[in-house]
N, C-alpha and C. Protein backbone atom coordinates (compact mmCIF):
# COMPACT_ATOMS: atom_id res chain seq x y z
N MET A 1 19.01 -30.30 -1.71
CA MET A 1 19.60 -29.28 -2.55
C MET A 1 19.75 -28.04 -1.73
N PRO A 2 20.98 -27.54 -1.55
CA PRO A 2 21.22 -26.25 -0.82
C PRO A 2 20.63 -25.06 -1.67
N ILE A 3 20.16 -24.13 -1.02
CA ILE A 3 19.71 -22.85 -1.64
C ILE A 3 20.18 -21.71 -0.85
N GLU A 4 20.52 -20.53 -1.61
CA GLU A 4 20.98 -19.38 -0.92
C GLU A 4 20.35 -18.17 -1.61
N LEU A 5 19.79 -17.22 -0.84
CA LEU A 5 19.26 -16.05 -1.36
C LEU A 5 20.40 -15.18 -1.79
N VAL A 6 20.48 -14.76 -3.05
CA VAL A 6 21.50 -13.97 -3.63
C VAL A 6 21.26 -12.47 -3.44
N ASN A 7 20.03 -12.07 -3.97
CA ASN A 7 19.73 -10.74 -3.77
C ASN A 7 18.24 -10.45 -4.03
N VAL A 8 17.75 -9.21 -3.75
CA VAL A 8 16.41 -8.84 -4.07
C VAL A 8 16.55 -7.80 -5.24
N GLY A 9 15.84 -8.03 -6.40
CA GLY A 9 15.87 -7.16 -7.47
C GLY A 9 14.73 -6.19 -7.49
N ILE A 10 15.01 -4.98 -7.76
CA ILE A 10 13.95 -3.91 -7.75
C ILE A 10 14.02 -3.02 -9.00
N ALA A 11 13.09 -2.94 -9.72
CA ALA A 11 13.00 -1.93 -10.87
C ALA A 11 12.66 -0.58 -10.31
N VAL A 12 13.44 0.39 -10.75
CA VAL A 12 13.32 1.80 -10.24
C VAL A 12 13.17 2.77 -11.42
N ARG A 13 12.61 3.90 -11.11
CA ARG A 13 12.51 4.95 -12.14
C ARG A 13 13.76 5.79 -12.18
N ASP A 14 14.50 5.91 -11.15
CA ASP A 14 15.71 6.80 -11.14
C ASP A 14 16.77 6.13 -10.41
N LEU A 15 17.69 5.42 -11.11
CA LEU A 15 18.72 4.64 -10.49
C LEU A 15 19.55 5.43 -9.54
N GLU A 16 20.02 6.64 -9.92
CA GLU A 16 20.92 7.42 -9.10
C GLU A 16 20.25 7.92 -7.84
N ALA A 17 19.02 8.28 -7.88
CA ALA A 17 18.34 8.66 -6.61
C ALA A 17 18.15 7.55 -5.70
N THR A 18 17.91 6.36 -6.25
CA THR A 18 17.71 5.16 -5.45
C THR A 18 19.00 4.74 -4.81
N ILE A 19 20.06 4.77 -5.54
CA ILE A 19 21.39 4.39 -5.09
C ILE A 19 21.69 5.46 -3.95
N ALA A 20 21.46 6.71 -4.10
CA ALA A 20 21.80 7.71 -3.04
C ALA A 20 21.01 7.40 -1.81
N PHE A 21 19.75 6.96 -1.95
CA PHE A 21 18.91 6.68 -0.74
C PHE A 21 19.56 5.56 -0.02
N PHE A 22 19.77 4.41 -0.64
CA PHE A 22 20.33 3.26 -0.06
C PHE A 22 21.76 3.39 0.47
N THR A 23 22.56 4.11 -0.24
CA THR A 23 24.02 4.24 0.29
C THR A 23 24.02 5.19 1.48
N ASP A 24 23.04 6.16 1.61
CA ASP A 24 22.96 7.03 2.66
C ASP A 24 22.49 6.24 3.90
N LEU A 25 21.74 5.12 3.70
CA LEU A 25 21.41 4.31 4.83
C LEU A 25 22.51 3.29 5.24
N GLY A 26 23.63 3.26 4.46
CA GLY A 26 24.68 2.41 4.77
C GLY A 26 25.12 1.32 3.87
N LEU A 27 24.37 1.01 2.72
CA LEU A 27 24.63 0.08 1.82
C LEU A 27 25.88 0.58 0.98
N THR A 28 26.67 -0.22 0.33
CA THR A 28 27.67 0.18 -0.52
C THR A 28 27.46 -0.42 -1.90
N VAL A 29 27.82 0.31 -2.92
CA VAL A 29 27.70 -0.08 -4.26
C VAL A 29 28.87 -1.11 -4.62
N LEU A 30 28.44 -2.38 -4.98
CA LEU A 30 29.44 -3.33 -5.29
C LEU A 30 29.77 -3.19 -6.79
N GLY A 31 28.81 -2.85 -7.57
CA GLY A 31 29.13 -2.64 -8.99
C GLY A 31 28.01 -2.17 -9.78
N ARG A 32 28.26 -1.69 -11.04
CA ARG A 32 27.25 -1.11 -11.89
C ARG A 32 27.55 -1.75 -13.22
N ASP A 33 26.47 -1.81 -14.07
CA ASP A 33 26.63 -2.40 -15.35
C ASP A 33 25.51 -1.93 -16.25
N THR A 34 25.52 -2.11 -17.47
CA THR A 34 24.39 -2.01 -18.49
C THR A 34 24.20 -3.42 -18.99
N VAL A 35 23.05 -3.94 -18.98
CA VAL A 35 22.81 -5.28 -19.44
C VAL A 35 21.87 -5.21 -20.67
N SER A 36 22.17 -5.99 -21.68
CA SER A 36 21.37 -6.15 -22.84
C SER A 36 21.80 -7.37 -23.65
N GLY A 37 21.09 -7.74 -24.69
CA GLY A 37 21.56 -8.85 -25.53
C GLY A 37 20.58 -10.00 -25.40
N GLU A 38 20.84 -11.03 -26.24
CA GLU A 38 20.04 -12.20 -26.22
C GLU A 38 19.93 -12.83 -24.94
N TRP A 39 21.13 -12.94 -24.26
CA TRP A 39 21.13 -13.66 -22.92
C TRP A 39 20.17 -12.92 -21.93
N ALA A 40 20.13 -11.68 -21.95
CA ALA A 40 19.32 -10.83 -21.08
C ALA A 40 17.80 -11.03 -21.41
N ASP A 41 17.57 -10.98 -22.74
CA ASP A 41 16.16 -11.21 -23.18
C ASP A 41 15.68 -12.61 -22.70
N THR A 42 16.55 -13.55 -22.88
CA THR A 42 16.13 -14.94 -22.48
C THR A 42 15.98 -15.07 -20.93
N ALA A 43 16.97 -14.61 -20.24
CA ALA A 43 16.87 -14.65 -18.72
C ALA A 43 15.67 -13.91 -18.21
N VAL A 44 15.39 -12.76 -18.62
CA VAL A 44 14.41 -11.94 -18.05
C VAL A 44 13.03 -12.10 -18.72
N GLY A 45 13.01 -12.65 -19.98
CA GLY A 45 11.80 -12.78 -20.63
C GLY A 45 11.17 -11.60 -21.33
N LEU A 46 12.02 -10.59 -21.63
CA LEU A 46 11.62 -9.39 -22.34
C LEU A 46 12.48 -9.16 -23.57
N ASP A 47 11.75 -9.03 -24.77
CA ASP A 47 12.49 -8.76 -26.04
C ASP A 47 13.18 -7.40 -25.94
N GLY A 48 14.44 -7.32 -26.36
CA GLY A 48 15.06 -6.04 -26.31
C GLY A 48 15.41 -5.55 -24.97
N ASN A 49 15.48 -6.44 -23.96
CA ASN A 49 15.92 -6.02 -22.66
C ASN A 49 17.11 -5.27 -22.57
N HIS A 50 17.07 -4.10 -21.99
CA HIS A 50 18.15 -3.19 -21.92
C HIS A 50 18.11 -2.33 -20.61
N ALA A 51 18.92 -2.54 -19.64
CA ALA A 51 18.76 -1.79 -18.44
C ALA A 51 20.10 -1.52 -17.73
N ARG A 52 20.11 -0.40 -17.09
CA ARG A 52 21.22 -0.07 -16.21
C ARG A 52 20.98 -0.59 -14.87
N ILE A 53 22.07 -1.25 -14.31
CA ILE A 53 21.94 -1.95 -12.96
C ILE A 53 22.90 -1.56 -12.07
N ALA A 54 22.57 -1.66 -10.73
CA ALA A 54 23.62 -1.41 -9.76
C ALA A 54 23.27 -2.51 -8.62
N VAL A 55 24.38 -3.12 -8.06
CA VAL A 55 24.27 -4.12 -6.97
C VAL A 55 24.82 -3.43 -5.78
N LEU A 56 23.94 -3.40 -4.71
CA LEU A 56 24.36 -2.78 -3.42
C LEU A 56 24.38 -3.84 -2.37
N GLN A 57 25.30 -3.62 -1.39
CA GLN A 57 25.48 -4.68 -0.28
C GLN A 57 25.37 -4.02 0.99
N THR A 58 24.72 -4.79 1.99
CA THR A 58 24.62 -4.26 3.36
C THR A 58 26.00 -4.44 4.05
N PRO A 59 26.15 -3.58 5.04
CA PRO A 59 27.48 -3.54 5.71
C PRO A 59 27.87 -4.89 6.24
N ASP A 60 27.02 -5.78 6.59
CA ASP A 60 27.44 -7.12 7.19
C ASP A 60 27.85 -8.05 6.09
N GLY A 61 27.72 -7.58 4.78
CA GLY A 61 28.22 -8.44 3.69
C GLY A 61 27.27 -9.59 3.26
N HIS A 62 26.16 -9.67 3.93
CA HIS A 62 25.27 -10.81 3.66
C HIS A 62 24.10 -10.40 2.59
N GLY A 63 23.54 -9.30 2.80
CA GLY A 63 22.35 -8.85 2.04
C GLY A 63 22.71 -8.00 0.76
N GLN A 64 22.08 -8.24 -0.32
CA GLN A 64 22.34 -7.49 -1.55
C GLN A 64 20.95 -7.04 -2.16
N VAL A 65 21.01 -5.89 -2.76
CA VAL A 65 19.84 -5.36 -3.48
C VAL A 65 20.36 -5.05 -4.89
N GLU A 66 19.63 -5.55 -5.83
CA GLU A 66 20.01 -5.23 -7.28
C GLU A 66 18.94 -4.35 -7.82
N LEU A 67 19.42 -3.17 -8.32
CA LEU A 67 18.52 -2.12 -8.83
C LEU A 67 18.59 -2.12 -10.33
N PHE A 68 17.39 -1.97 -10.98
CA PHE A 68 17.38 -1.90 -12.53
C PHE A 68 16.59 -0.75 -12.88
N GLU A 69 17.16 0.05 -13.85
CA GLU A 69 16.59 1.22 -14.44
C GLU A 69 16.44 0.83 -15.96
N TYR A 70 15.19 0.50 -16.36
CA TYR A 70 15.02 0.04 -17.75
C TYR A 70 15.21 1.16 -18.66
N ILE A 71 15.92 0.79 -19.78
CA ILE A 71 16.08 1.66 -20.90
C ILE A 71 15.15 1.23 -22.05
N HIS A 72 15.01 -0.11 -22.18
CA HIS A 72 14.11 -0.73 -23.10
C HIS A 72 13.71 -2.07 -22.60
N PRO A 73 12.54 -2.54 -22.64
CA PRO A 73 11.38 -1.79 -23.00
C PRO A 73 11.19 -0.63 -21.96
N ASP A 74 10.35 0.29 -22.21
CA ASP A 74 9.99 1.39 -21.31
C ASP A 74 9.48 0.75 -19.97
N ALA A 75 9.96 1.40 -18.92
CA ALA A 75 9.40 1.04 -17.59
C ALA A 75 7.93 1.44 -17.55
N ILE A 76 7.20 0.53 -16.89
CA ILE A 76 5.71 0.69 -16.74
C ILE A 76 5.45 1.13 -15.32
N GLU A 77 4.83 2.32 -15.24
CA GLU A 77 4.50 2.83 -13.85
C GLU A 77 3.35 2.13 -13.35
N THR A 78 3.37 1.70 -12.09
CA THR A 78 2.23 1.03 -11.43
C THR A 78 1.95 1.76 -10.11
N GLU A 79 0.81 1.47 -9.64
CA GLU A 79 0.40 2.04 -8.30
C GLU A 79 1.40 1.37 -7.28
N PRO A 80 1.88 2.21 -6.33
CA PRO A 80 2.65 1.63 -5.28
C PRO A 80 1.96 0.51 -4.52
N THR A 81 2.63 -0.57 -4.23
CA THR A 81 2.05 -1.67 -3.47
C THR A 81 1.71 -1.23 -2.02
N LEU A 82 0.75 -1.86 -1.47
CA LEU A 82 0.37 -1.61 -0.06
C LEU A 82 0.75 -2.91 0.65
N PRO A 83 1.06 -2.81 2.00
CA PRO A 83 1.45 -3.94 2.76
C PRO A 83 0.61 -5.17 2.65
N ASN A 84 -0.65 -5.06 2.24
CA ASN A 84 -1.58 -6.28 2.12
C ASN A 84 -1.70 -6.71 0.68
N HIS A 85 -0.97 -6.22 -0.24
CA HIS A 85 -1.07 -6.59 -1.66
C HIS A 85 -0.34 -7.91 -1.81
N ILE A 86 -0.82 -8.82 -2.72
CA ILE A 86 -0.13 -10.06 -3.05
C ILE A 86 0.97 -9.69 -3.95
N GLY A 87 2.19 -10.36 -3.79
CA GLY A 87 3.28 -10.16 -4.65
C GLY A 87 4.48 -9.61 -3.79
N MET A 88 5.46 -9.13 -4.49
CA MET A 88 6.62 -8.67 -3.86
C MET A 88 6.20 -7.54 -2.81
N HIS A 89 6.67 -7.73 -1.60
CA HIS A 89 6.08 -6.92 -0.56
C HIS A 89 6.99 -5.77 -0.15
N ARG A 90 8.23 -6.08 0.38
CA ARG A 90 9.03 -5.02 0.95
C ARG A 90 10.44 -5.53 1.05
N VAL A 91 11.42 -4.61 1.33
CA VAL A 91 12.72 -4.93 1.64
C VAL A 91 12.96 -4.39 3.06
N ALA A 92 13.51 -5.26 3.96
CA ALA A 92 13.72 -4.95 5.39
C ALA A 92 15.14 -4.87 5.69
N PHE A 93 15.41 -3.83 6.60
CA PHE A 93 16.81 -3.69 7.05
C PHE A 93 16.80 -3.50 8.57
N ALA A 94 17.74 -4.18 9.23
CA ALA A 94 17.95 -3.96 10.67
C ALA A 94 18.89 -2.72 10.75
N VAL A 95 18.57 -1.84 11.58
CA VAL A 95 19.39 -0.63 11.87
C VAL A 95 19.79 -0.50 13.40
N ASP A 96 20.85 0.06 13.64
CA ASP A 96 21.24 0.29 14.98
C ASP A 96 20.52 1.42 15.72
N ASP A 97 20.06 2.41 14.93
CA ASP A 97 19.41 3.61 15.44
C ASP A 97 18.38 4.02 14.48
N ILE A 98 17.07 3.65 14.73
CA ILE A 98 15.99 3.85 13.77
C ILE A 98 15.69 5.43 13.56
N ASP A 99 15.91 6.23 14.72
CA ASP A 99 15.75 7.65 14.54
C ASP A 99 16.72 8.24 13.54
N ALA A 100 17.95 7.81 13.64
CA ALA A 100 19.03 8.26 12.75
C ALA A 100 18.68 7.78 11.33
N ALA A 101 18.22 6.57 11.16
CA ALA A 101 17.87 6.10 9.82
C ALA A 101 16.74 6.91 9.23
N LEU A 102 15.78 7.21 10.08
CA LEU A 102 14.58 7.97 9.50
C LEU A 102 14.98 9.34 9.24
N GLU A 103 16.00 10.00 9.90
CA GLU A 103 16.47 11.28 9.55
C GLU A 103 17.07 11.26 8.08
N ILE A 104 17.80 10.19 7.83
CA ILE A 104 18.41 9.96 6.57
C ILE A 104 17.30 9.85 5.49
N ALA A 105 16.36 8.97 5.78
CA ALA A 105 15.31 8.71 4.80
C ALA A 105 14.53 10.05 4.54
N ALA A 106 14.29 10.87 5.50
CA ALA A 106 13.59 12.09 5.37
C ALA A 106 14.28 13.03 4.46
N ARG A 107 15.61 12.99 4.43
CA ARG A 107 16.40 13.89 3.53
C ARG A 107 16.16 13.57 2.11
N HIS A 108 15.60 12.32 1.85
CA HIS A 108 15.25 11.79 0.53
C HIS A 108 13.76 11.94 0.29
N GLY A 109 13.05 12.65 1.24
CA GLY A 109 11.62 12.74 1.06
C GLY A 109 10.78 11.56 1.47
N CYS A 110 11.37 10.68 2.24
CA CYS A 110 10.83 9.41 2.60
C CYS A 110 10.45 9.33 4.10
N HIS A 111 9.20 9.01 4.33
CA HIS A 111 8.74 9.11 5.74
C HIS A 111 7.91 7.92 6.12
N PRO A 112 7.74 7.52 7.36
CA PRO A 112 6.93 6.36 7.79
C PRO A 112 5.56 6.50 7.22
N LEU A 113 4.89 5.32 6.85
CA LEU A 113 3.58 5.33 6.36
C LEU A 113 2.68 5.83 7.49
N ARG A 114 2.89 5.37 8.68
CA ARG A 114 2.08 5.87 9.88
C ARG A 114 2.83 6.34 11.07
N GLY A 115 3.87 5.72 11.41
CA GLY A 115 4.73 6.07 12.51
C GLY A 115 5.68 4.95 12.85
N VAL A 116 6.24 5.01 14.01
CA VAL A 116 7.26 4.02 14.49
C VAL A 116 6.52 3.19 15.62
N ALA A 117 6.48 1.85 15.37
CA ALA A 117 5.86 1.05 16.40
C ALA A 117 6.87 0.35 17.30
N ASN A 118 6.36 0.03 18.57
CA ASN A 118 7.17 -0.65 19.36
C ASN A 118 6.60 -2.07 19.56
N TYR A 119 7.31 -3.09 19.14
CA TYR A 119 6.89 -4.49 19.20
C TYR A 119 7.35 -5.15 20.39
N GLN A 120 6.54 -5.23 21.49
CA GLN A 120 6.81 -5.89 22.73
C GLN A 120 8.19 -5.58 23.37
N ASP A 121 8.58 -4.28 23.17
CA ASP A 121 9.87 -3.89 23.71
C ASP A 121 11.04 -4.68 23.10
N VAL A 122 10.85 -5.30 21.99
CA VAL A 122 11.90 -6.10 21.30
C VAL A 122 12.45 -5.36 20.12
N TYR A 123 11.44 -4.77 19.34
CA TYR A 123 11.81 -3.99 18.18
C TYR A 123 11.10 -2.71 18.09
N LYS A 124 11.78 -1.58 17.61
CA LYS A 124 11.07 -0.51 17.06
C LYS A 124 11.11 -0.63 15.57
N LEU A 125 9.95 -0.50 14.90
CA LEU A 125 9.96 -0.69 13.52
C LEU A 125 8.97 0.15 12.77
N THR A 126 9.21 0.35 11.48
CA THR A 126 8.30 1.12 10.77
C THR A 126 8.46 0.74 9.15
N TYR A 127 7.43 1.03 8.48
CA TYR A 127 7.41 0.91 6.93
C TYR A 127 7.44 2.28 6.42
N LEU A 128 8.28 2.61 5.35
CA LEU A 128 8.23 3.77 4.71
C LEU A 128 8.29 3.55 3.19
N ARG A 129 7.92 4.58 2.48
CA ARG A 129 7.89 4.52 1.11
C ARG A 129 9.13 5.16 0.53
N GLY A 130 9.98 4.32 -0.03
CA GLY A 130 11.32 4.80 -0.52
C GLY A 130 11.19 5.29 -1.97
N PRO A 131 12.27 5.49 -2.62
CA PRO A 131 12.33 5.96 -3.95
C PRO A 131 11.53 4.94 -4.84
N SER A 132 10.91 5.45 -5.96
CA SER A 132 10.20 4.58 -6.88
C SER A 132 9.08 3.85 -6.19
N GLY A 133 8.60 4.25 -4.92
CA GLY A 133 7.47 3.62 -4.25
C GLY A 133 7.87 2.41 -3.54
N ILE A 134 9.15 2.12 -3.48
CA ILE A 134 9.60 0.82 -2.83
C ILE A 134 9.20 0.87 -1.29
N LEU A 135 8.58 -0.13 -0.79
CA LEU A 135 8.24 -0.27 0.57
C LEU A 135 9.50 -0.79 1.28
N VAL A 136 9.93 0.02 2.24
CA VAL A 136 11.16 -0.36 2.96
C VAL A 136 10.82 -0.41 4.49
N MET A 137 11.17 -1.49 5.15
CA MET A 137 11.01 -1.70 6.65
C MET A 137 12.30 -1.43 7.24
N LEU A 138 12.22 -0.64 8.34
CA LEU A 138 13.41 -0.42 9.20
C LEU A 138 13.08 -0.88 10.52
N ALA A 139 14.03 -1.69 11.15
CA ALA A 139 13.79 -2.22 12.44
C ALA A 139 15.03 -2.08 13.32
N GLN A 140 14.81 -1.66 14.52
CA GLN A 140 15.92 -1.50 15.55
C GLN A 140 15.65 -2.64 16.59
N ASP A 141 16.51 -3.50 16.80
CA ASP A 141 16.53 -4.49 17.87
C ASP A 141 16.80 -3.78 19.26
N LEU A 142 15.77 -3.71 20.04
CA LEU A 142 15.95 -2.98 21.35
C LEU A 142 16.63 -3.89 22.31
N THR A 143 16.72 -5.15 22.10
CA THR A 143 17.51 -6.00 23.02
C THR A 143 19.03 -5.87 22.94
N LYS A 144 19.46 -5.18 21.87
CA LYS A 144 20.87 -4.87 21.66
C LYS A 144 21.25 -3.56 22.20
N SER A 145 20.36 -2.81 22.67
CA SER A 145 20.71 -1.41 23.24
C SER A 145 21.35 -1.45 24.63
């Protein structure tokens, strides 16, 4: 049976701020919608499910992120996950220039958790805390420089 990753879904507290963060990094908005109704309740498993959503795509056309801002039921704040927590971990992006990407992230108040690492002169990479506490990994392939 063939299988294909369609997107990564992330619940956020502020849809517009999160869209701004990801579009500044280079993703584009494919579409927006508001979802609700019996089909949404059934698919997601929440009664009265009602959310504003946006689908963003990476410049290469392969990766997508689907963002959800819940209208009902109320969004539940949780502690931001740490890299060693079980469950949804992070979303990762390859970038041509990690320093430029970090300057963009900083304009949104997002900074590396600890710093930028060099992995065997192959990658420069870092984790940062994005909007709504999302863990975002940025990696620059140094072999392409």
